[in-house]
């Protein structure tokens, strides 16, 4: 099964870290990602820039609105996305519970909707211009 793991972090806590602390934390996360790779579980991932660089696009009353940043009712913002392969949700939880990133905030672990992704991929292939 495929899972998307959304890593959240309190950016103010990250900003308070020294350069050396941040480098050590990043290295610890990369090291665990290497362990996931060796086990065949790491399928990719991306770190995200600060939420201050984000915008939110939504539709209200039939009109598209663009606002600065994500305005969640929490201090924690999405800091990265990890693509994970696991046999089931329990294994995905076990793998992510060991990730050093959980020190900075929670990970939301969510199964990929593989039926929808099949439709999406078929649609993309059909619309490609040769």
N, C-alpha and C. Protein backbone atom coordinates (compact mmCIF):
# COMPACT_ATOMS: atom_id res chain seq x y z
N UNK A 1 0.84 -1.18 0.00
CA UNK A 1 0.00 0.00 0.00
C UNK A 1 0.88 1.24 0.00
N UNK A 2 0.34 2.30 -0.57
CA UNK A 2 1.05 3.57 -0.60
C UNK A 2 0.41 4.51 0.40
N UNK A 3 1.26 5.31 1.05
CA UNK A 3 0.80 6.26 2.05
C UNK A 3 1.46 7.61 1.81
N UNK A 4 0.72 8.66 2.09
CA UNK A 4 1.26 10.01 2.12
C UNK A 4 1.37 10.37 3.59
N UNK A 5 2.54 10.81 3.99
CA UNK A 5 2.78 11.20 5.38
C UNK A 5 3.08 12.69 5.40
N UNK A 6 2.18 13.46 5.99
CA UNK A 6 2.34 14.90 6.08
C UNK A 6 2.99 15.24 7.41
N UNK A 7 4.18 15.80 7.34
CA UNK A 7 4.90 16.15 8.56
C UNK A 7 4.62 17.60 8.94
N UNK A 8 4.20 17.80 10.17
CA UNK A 8 3.89 19.13 10.68
C UNK A 8 4.98 19.59 11.64
N UNK A 9 5.19 20.89 11.71
CA UNK A 9 6.18 21.44 12.64
C UNK A 9 5.75 22.83 13.07
N UNK A 10 6.14 23.18 14.28
CA UNK A 10 5.95 24.53 14.79
C UNK A 10 7.16 25.34 14.31
N UNK A 11 6.95 26.20 13.33
CA UNK A 11 8.05 26.93 12.72
C UNK A 11 8.80 27.81 13.72
N UNK A 12 8.13 28.29 14.76
CA UNK A 12 8.82 29.12 15.75
C UNK A 12 9.85 28.30 16.52
N UNK A 13 9.55 27.02 16.76
CA UNK A 13 10.52 26.15 17.44
C UNK A 13 11.71 25.87 16.54
N UNK A 14 11.45 25.66 15.26
CA UNK A 14 12.54 25.43 14.32
C UNK A 14 13.42 26.67 14.20
N UNK A 15 12.80 27.84 14.16
CA UNK A 15 13.55 29.08 14.04
C UNK A 15 14.43 29.36 15.26
N UNK A 16 14.03 28.82 16.42
CA UNK A 16 14.79 29.03 17.64
C UNK A 16 16.02 28.11 17.74
N UNK A 17 16.11 27.12 16.86
CA UNK A 17 17.24 26.20 16.90
C UNK A 17 18.49 26.86 16.34
N UNK A 18 19.65 26.49 16.89
CA UNK A 18 20.91 26.97 16.33
C UNK A 18 21.14 26.27 15.00
N UNK A 19 22.06 26.80 14.23
CA UNK A 19 22.41 26.19 12.95
C UNK A 19 22.88 24.75 13.17
N UNK A 20 23.68 24.54 14.19
CA UNK A 20 24.20 23.21 14.49
C UNK A 20 23.09 22.24 14.90
N UNK A 21 22.15 22.72 15.71
CA UNK A 21 21.01 21.89 16.12
C UNK A 21 20.16 21.51 14.91
N UNK A 22 19.93 22.47 14.03
CA UNK A 22 19.13 22.21 12.83
C UNK A 22 19.84 21.22 11.92
N UNK A 23 21.15 21.40 11.71
CA UNK A 23 21.90 20.48 10.87
C UNK A 23 21.86 19.06 11.43
N UNK A 24 22.00 18.93 12.76
CA UNK A 24 21.95 17.61 13.40
C UNK A 24 20.57 16.98 13.24
N UNK A 25 19.51 17.78 13.39
CA UNK A 25 18.15 17.27 13.27
C UNK A 25 17.88 16.82 11.84
N UNK A 26 18.31 17.60 10.87
CA UNK A 26 18.12 17.25 9.47
C UNK A 26 18.87 15.97 9.15
N UNK A 27 20.11 15.87 9.63
CA UNK A 27 20.91 14.66 9.38
C UNK A 27 20.25 13.43 9.99
N UNK A 28 19.68 13.58 11.18
CA UNK A 28 18.99 12.46 11.83
C UNK A 28 17.79 12.01 10.98
N UNK A 29 17.04 12.98 10.46
CA UNK A 29 15.90 12.64 9.60
C UNK A 29 16.35 11.97 8.31
N UNK A 30 17.41 12.51 7.67
CA UNK A 30 17.93 11.91 6.44
C UNK A 30 18.42 10.49 6.69
N UNK A 31 19.04 10.27 7.82
CA UNK A 31 19.54 8.94 8.17
C UNK A 31 18.39 7.94 8.28
N UNK A 32 17.30 8.36 8.93
CA UNK A 32 16.15 7.47 9.03
C UNK A 32 15.50 7.25 7.67
N UNK A 33 15.45 8.30 6.84
CA UNK A 33 14.92 8.14 5.49
C UNK A 33 15.75 7.10 4.72
N UNK A 34 17.08 7.10 4.93
CA UNK A 34 17.94 6.09 4.31
C UNK A 34 17.57 4.69 4.79
N UNK A 35 17.25 4.55 6.10
CA UNK A 35 16.80 3.26 6.62
C UNK A 35 15.51 2.82 5.93
N UNK A 36 14.58 3.76 5.74
CA UNK A 36 13.33 3.44 5.04
C UNK A 36 13.61 3.01 3.61
N UNK A 37 14.56 3.70 2.93
CA UNK A 37 14.93 3.35 1.56
C UNK A 37 15.47 1.92 1.50
N UNK A 38 16.39 1.61 2.40
CA UNK A 38 16.99 0.27 2.42
C UNK A 38 15.92 -0.81 2.65
N UNK A 39 14.88 -0.48 3.41
CA UNK A 39 13.80 -1.43 3.67
C UNK A 39 12.74 -1.45 2.58
N UNK A 40 12.90 -0.62 1.54
CA UNK A 40 11.94 -0.58 0.44
C UNK A 40 10.67 0.19 0.77
N UNK A 41 10.73 1.04 1.79
CA UNK A 41 9.53 1.77 2.22
C UNK A 41 9.50 3.23 1.75
N UNK A 42 10.66 3.84 1.51
CA UNK A 42 10.72 5.25 1.14
C UNK A 42 10.47 5.38 -0.35
N UNK A 43 9.39 6.02 -0.72
CA UNK A 43 9.04 6.19 -2.13
C UNK A 43 9.25 7.62 -2.60
N UNK A 44 9.75 8.49 -1.74
CA UNK A 44 10.01 9.88 -2.11
C UNK A 44 9.54 10.83 -1.04
N UNK A 45 9.78 12.09 -1.27
CA UNK A 45 9.35 13.09 -0.31
C UNK A 45 9.86 14.46 -0.71
N UNK A 46 9.32 15.45 -0.06
CA UNK A 46 9.72 16.83 -0.32
C UNK A 46 9.61 17.64 0.97
N UNK A 47 10.61 18.47 1.21
CA UNK A 47 10.51 19.46 2.28
C UNK A 47 9.81 20.68 1.68
N UNK A 48 9.09 21.39 2.51
CA UNK A 48 8.38 22.58 2.05
C UNK A 48 9.01 23.83 2.64
N UNK A 49 8.94 24.92 1.90
CA UNK A 49 9.36 26.20 2.44
C UNK A 49 8.40 26.61 3.54
N UNK A 50 8.75 27.66 4.25
CA UNK A 50 7.95 28.17 5.34
C UNK A 50 6.51 28.46 4.90
N UNK A 51 5.59 28.29 5.83
CA UNK A 51 4.19 28.61 5.56
C UNK A 51 4.01 30.08 5.21
N UNK A 52 4.97 30.92 5.60
CA UNK A 52 4.89 32.34 5.24
C UNK A 52 5.04 32.55 3.74
N UNK A 53 5.54 31.55 3.02
CA UNK A 53 5.69 31.63 1.57
C UNK A 53 4.53 30.98 0.83
N UNK A 54 3.52 30.52 1.56
CA UNK A 54 2.40 29.80 0.96
C UNK A 54 1.21 30.72 0.71
N UNK A 55 0.35 30.26 -0.18
CA UNK A 55 -0.95 30.90 -0.39
C UNK A 55 -2.00 29.81 -0.35
N UNK A 56 -3.22 30.20 -0.07
CA UNK A 56 -4.34 29.28 -0.08
C UNK A 56 -5.31 29.74 -1.16
N UNK A 57 -5.72 28.81 -2.01
CA UNK A 57 -6.67 29.09 -3.09
C UNK A 57 -7.95 28.35 -2.75
N UNK A 58 -9.07 29.08 -2.75
CA UNK A 58 -10.36 28.45 -2.48
C UNK A 58 -11.44 29.19 -3.26
N UNK A 59 -12.59 28.56 -3.32
CA UNK A 59 -13.73 29.19 -3.98
C UNK A 59 -14.78 29.48 -2.93
N UNK A 60 -15.27 30.72 -2.94
CA UNK A 60 -16.36 31.13 -2.05
C UNK A 60 -17.36 31.94 -2.87
N UNK A 61 -18.61 31.57 -2.71
CA UNK A 61 -19.69 32.27 -3.42
C UNK A 61 -19.42 32.35 -4.92
N UNK A 62 -18.86 31.27 -5.47
CA UNK A 62 -18.63 31.21 -6.91
C UNK A 62 -17.41 31.96 -7.39
N UNK A 63 -16.64 32.57 -6.49
CA UNK A 63 -15.44 33.32 -6.89
C UNK A 63 -14.21 32.71 -6.25
N UNK A 64 -13.12 32.72 -7.00
CA UNK A 64 -11.86 32.19 -6.49
C UNK A 64 -11.20 33.26 -5.62
N UNK A 65 -10.74 32.83 -4.45
CA UNK A 65 -10.05 33.70 -3.50
C UNK A 65 -8.65 33.17 -3.29
N UNK A 66 -7.67 34.06 -3.26
CA UNK A 66 -6.30 33.69 -2.94
C UNK A 66 -5.91 34.51 -1.72
N UNK A 67 -5.50 33.81 -0.67
CA UNK A 67 -5.09 34.50 0.56
C UNK A 67 -3.68 34.06 0.93
N UNK A 68 -2.99 34.90 1.67
CA UNK A 68 -1.65 34.57 2.13
C UNK A 68 -1.70 33.41 3.10
N UNK A 69 -0.76 32.50 2.91
CA UNK A 69 -0.51 31.43 3.87
C UNK A 69 -1.68 30.52 4.20
N UNK A 70 -1.36 29.43 4.83
CA UNK A 70 -2.41 28.57 5.37
C UNK A 70 -2.83 29.14 6.73
N UNK A 71 -4.10 29.24 6.96
CA UNK A 71 -4.56 29.78 8.24
C UNK A 71 -5.26 28.70 9.04
N UNK A 72 -4.47 27.77 9.54
CA UNK A 72 -4.99 26.70 10.37
C UNK A 72 -5.04 27.21 11.81
N UNK A 73 -5.91 26.63 12.59
CA UNK A 73 -6.04 27.00 14.00
C UNK A 73 -5.02 26.24 14.84
N UNK A 74 -3.78 26.26 14.40
CA UNK A 74 -2.73 25.56 15.11
C UNK A 74 -1.40 26.25 14.84
N UNK A 75 -0.44 26.07 15.71
CA UNK A 75 0.90 26.62 15.49
C UNK A 75 1.66 25.77 14.48
N UNK A 76 1.27 24.51 14.35
CA UNK A 76 1.99 23.60 13.48
C UNK A 76 1.50 23.73 12.05
N UNK A 77 2.44 23.79 11.13
CA UNK A 77 2.13 23.88 9.71
C UNK A 77 2.79 22.70 9.00
N UNK A 78 2.28 22.34 7.83
CA UNK A 78 2.90 21.26 7.08
C UNK A 78 4.31 21.68 6.69
N UNK A 79 5.27 20.85 7.04
CA UNK A 79 6.67 21.14 6.75
C UNK A 79 7.25 20.24 5.67
N UNK A 80 6.59 19.11 5.40
CA UNK A 80 7.10 18.20 4.39
C UNK A 80 6.14 17.06 4.12
N UNK A 81 6.41 16.38 3.03
CA UNK A 81 5.59 15.25 2.59
C UNK A 81 6.52 14.08 2.33
N UNK A 82 6.17 12.93 2.86
CA UNK A 82 6.95 11.72 2.64
C UNK A 82 6.03 10.69 2.01
N UNK A 83 6.50 10.05 0.94
CA UNK A 83 5.75 9.00 0.27
C UNK A 83 6.27 7.67 0.79
N UNK A 84 5.39 6.86 1.31
CA UNK A 84 5.77 5.65 2.02
C UNK A 84 5.09 4.43 1.42
N UNK A 85 5.82 3.34 1.33
CA UNK A 85 5.28 2.04 0.93
C UNK A 85 5.25 1.17 2.18
N UNK A 86 4.11 0.58 2.48
CA UNK A 86 3.98 -0.31 3.64
C UNK A 86 2.91 -1.35 3.33
N UNK A 87 2.95 -2.47 4.06
CA UNK A 87 1.97 -3.53 3.77
C UNK A 87 0.57 -3.14 4.22
N UNK A 88 0.47 -2.28 5.26
CA UNK A 88 -0.83 -1.83 5.76
C UNK A 88 -0.64 -0.61 6.65
N UNK A 89 -1.73 -0.07 7.14
CA UNK A 89 -1.68 1.13 7.97
C UNK A 89 -0.87 0.89 9.24
N UNK A 90 -1.00 -0.28 9.84
CA UNK A 90 -0.25 -0.56 11.07
C UNK A 90 1.25 -0.50 10.84
N UNK A 91 1.72 -1.03 9.73
CA UNK A 91 3.15 -0.97 9.44
C UNK A 91 3.56 0.47 9.15
N UNK A 92 2.73 1.22 8.44
CA UNK A 92 3.03 2.63 8.16
C UNK A 92 3.15 3.42 9.46
N UNK A 93 2.26 3.18 10.40
CA UNK A 93 2.31 3.85 11.69
C UNK A 93 3.60 3.46 12.43
N UNK A 94 3.93 2.19 12.42
CA UNK A 94 5.14 1.74 13.10
C UNK A 94 6.38 2.40 12.51
N UNK A 95 6.44 2.49 11.18
CA UNK A 95 7.58 3.11 10.52
C UNK A 95 7.68 4.60 10.85
N UNK A 96 6.57 5.30 10.77
CA UNK A 96 6.60 6.75 11.00
C UNK A 96 6.78 7.09 12.47
N UNK A 97 6.38 6.21 13.36
CA UNK A 97 6.55 6.50 14.79
C UNK A 97 8.02 6.55 15.17
N UNK A 98 8.89 5.97 14.35
CA UNK A 98 10.33 5.99 14.61
C UNK A 98 11.03 7.15 13.91
N UNK A 99 10.31 7.89 13.08
CA UNK A 99 10.93 8.99 12.33
C UNK A 99 11.31 10.12 13.28
N UNK A 100 12.55 10.60 13.21
CA UNK A 100 12.98 11.69 14.10
C UNK A 100 12.17 12.97 13.92
N UNK A 101 11.51 13.13 12.78
CA UNK A 101 10.69 14.32 12.54
C UNK A 101 9.54 14.47 13.51
N UNK A 102 9.13 13.38 14.17
CA UNK A 102 8.01 13.49 15.12
C UNK A 102 8.40 14.33 16.34
N UNK A 103 9.69 14.61 16.51
CA UNK A 103 10.12 15.51 17.60
C UNK A 103 9.66 16.94 17.36
N UNK A 104 9.42 17.29 16.10
CA UNK A 104 9.08 18.67 15.74
C UNK A 104 7.59 18.87 15.55
N UNK A 105 6.85 17.78 15.47
CA UNK A 105 5.41 17.87 15.29
C UNK A 105 4.88 16.56 14.75
N UNK A 106 3.57 16.45 14.65
CA UNK A 106 2.96 15.18 14.24
C UNK A 106 3.12 14.89 12.76
N UNK A 107 2.98 13.63 12.43
CA UNK A 107 2.87 13.17 11.05
C UNK A 107 1.45 12.65 10.86
N UNK A 108 0.78 13.15 9.85
CA UNK A 108 -0.51 12.58 9.45
C UNK A 108 -0.19 11.50 8.43
N UNK A 109 -0.61 10.28 8.69
CA UNK A 109 -0.35 9.14 7.81
C UNK A 109 -1.68 8.76 7.16
N UNK A 110 -1.73 8.88 5.84
CA UNK A 110 -2.99 8.66 5.15
C UNK A 110 -2.78 7.77 3.92
N UNK A 111 -3.60 6.70 3.78
CA UNK A 111 -3.46 5.85 2.60
C UNK A 111 -3.80 6.63 1.33
N UNK A 112 -3.05 6.32 0.27
CA UNK A 112 -3.33 6.89 -1.04
C UNK A 112 -4.59 6.22 -1.58
N UNK A 113 -5.43 6.98 -2.24
CA UNK A 113 -6.63 6.44 -2.88
C UNK A 113 -6.18 5.87 -4.23
N UNK A 114 -5.78 4.60 -4.21
CA UNK A 114 -5.19 4.00 -5.40
C UNK A 114 -6.19 3.84 -6.54
N UNK A 115 -7.47 3.64 -6.24
CA UNK A 115 -8.49 3.55 -7.30
C UNK A 115 -8.60 4.89 -8.03
N UNK A 116 -8.61 5.98 -7.28
CA UNK A 116 -8.67 7.31 -7.90
C UNK A 116 -7.39 7.58 -8.70
N UNK A 117 -6.23 7.19 -8.13
CA UNK A 117 -4.96 7.42 -8.81
C UNK A 117 -4.89 6.66 -10.13
N UNK A 118 -5.49 5.48 -10.20
CA UNK A 118 -5.53 4.71 -11.45
C UNK A 118 -6.33 5.48 -12.51
N UNK A 119 -7.46 6.03 -12.11
CA UNK A 119 -8.28 6.83 -13.03
C UNK A 119 -7.49 8.05 -13.49
N UNK A 120 -6.83 8.72 -12.54
CA UNK A 120 -6.05 9.91 -12.84
C UNK A 120 -4.91 9.59 -13.81
N UNK A 121 -4.17 8.51 -13.54
CA UNK A 121 -3.05 8.13 -14.42
C UNK A 121 -3.54 7.76 -15.81
N UNK A 122 -4.65 7.03 -15.90
CA UNK A 122 -5.22 6.68 -17.20
C UNK A 122 -5.62 7.95 -17.95
N UNK A 123 -6.20 8.88 -17.25
CA UNK A 123 -6.62 10.15 -17.87
C UNK A 123 -5.41 10.93 -18.38
N UNK A 124 -4.34 10.95 -17.59
CA UNK A 124 -3.12 11.65 -18.00
C UNK A 124 -2.51 11.01 -19.26
N UNK A 125 -2.47 9.69 -19.28
CA UNK A 125 -1.93 8.97 -20.45
C UNK A 125 -2.77 9.27 -21.69
N UNK A 126 -4.10 9.27 -21.54
CA UNK A 126 -5.00 9.50 -22.67
C UNK A 126 -4.87 10.93 -23.21
N UNK A 127 -4.51 11.87 -22.36
CA UNK A 127 -4.45 13.26 -22.81
C UNK A 127 -3.07 13.69 -23.28
N UNK A 128 -2.08 12.79 -23.21
CA UNK A 128 -0.73 13.14 -23.67
C UNK A 128 -0.72 13.27 -25.17
N UNK A 129 -0.03 14.31 -25.64
CA UNK A 129 0.11 14.55 -27.07
C UNK A 129 1.40 13.89 -27.52
N UNK A 130 1.30 13.07 -28.54
CA UNK A 130 2.52 12.37 -29.03
C UNK A 130 3.20 13.17 -30.11
